[in-house]
Amino acid sequence: MRATKRRFDPNLQKVRIFVGAAPRRVYVCTRCLKAGKVTKAV
């Protein structure tokens, strides 16, 4: 038995993305960015 339970937290990055019509700064996981689930606002 291990002394502590290890947590695997998501790798969150603060990114400017389009939410609706306006760009916003939102925390997005790097998996979502790599998979193309969210698009960056340029």
Protein backbone atom coordinates (compact mmCIF):
# COMPACT_ATOMS: atom_id res chain seq x y z
CA MET A 1 0.00 0.00 0.00
CA ARG A 2 1.26 3.45 -0.91
CA ALA A 3 1.53 6.20 1.69
CA THR A 4 -0.04 8.87 -0.56
CA LYS A 5 -2.43 8.73 -3.47
CA ARG A 6 -0.96 10.50 -6.49
CA ARG A 7 -3.22 12.88 -8.41
CA PHE A 8 -2.96 13.39 -12.16
CA ASP A 9 -4.20 16.94 -12.73
CA PRO A 10 -4.91 18.27 -16.24
CA ASN A 11 -2.28 20.49 -17.85
CA LEU A 12 -4.18 23.79 -18.01
CA GLN A 13 -3.03 26.81 -20.00
CA LYS A 14 -4.60 30.28 -20.10
CA VAL A 15 -5.47 30.86 -23.75
CA ARG A 16 -7.44 33.46 -25.71
CA ILE A 17 -10.27 31.64 -27.50
CA PHE A 18 -13.55 32.71 -29.07
CA VAL A 19 -16.46 32.16 -26.67
CA GLY A 20 -19.54 33.07 -28.66
CA ALA A 21 -18.56 36.16 -30.66
CA ALA A 22 -15.99 37.75 -28.34
CA PRO A 23 -12.50 36.43 -27.54
CA ARG A 24 -11.86 35.58 -23.88
CA ARG A 25 -9.00 34.28 -21.75
CA VAL A 26 -9.98 30.82 -20.56
CA TYR A 27 -8.12 27.91 -18.96
CA VAL A 28 -7.91 25.09 -21.53
CA CYS A 29 -6.21 21.71 -21.22
CA THR A 30 -3.33 21.02 -23.61
CA ARG A 31 -5.05 17.84 -24.83
CA CYS A 32 -7.97 19.95 -26.13
CA LEU A 33 -5.59 22.38 -27.84
CA LYS A 34 -3.65 19.57 -29.51
CA ALA A 35 -6.83 17.74 -30.60
CA GLY A 36 -8.24 20.93 -32.15
CA LYS A 37 -11.34 21.04 -29.94
CA VAL A 38 -10.74 24.75 -29.32
CA THR A 39 -9.26 27.33 -31.70
CA LYS A 40 -7.03 30.16 -30.56
CA ALA A 41 -8.04 33.78 -31.19
CA VAL A 42 -5.28 35.60 -33.07
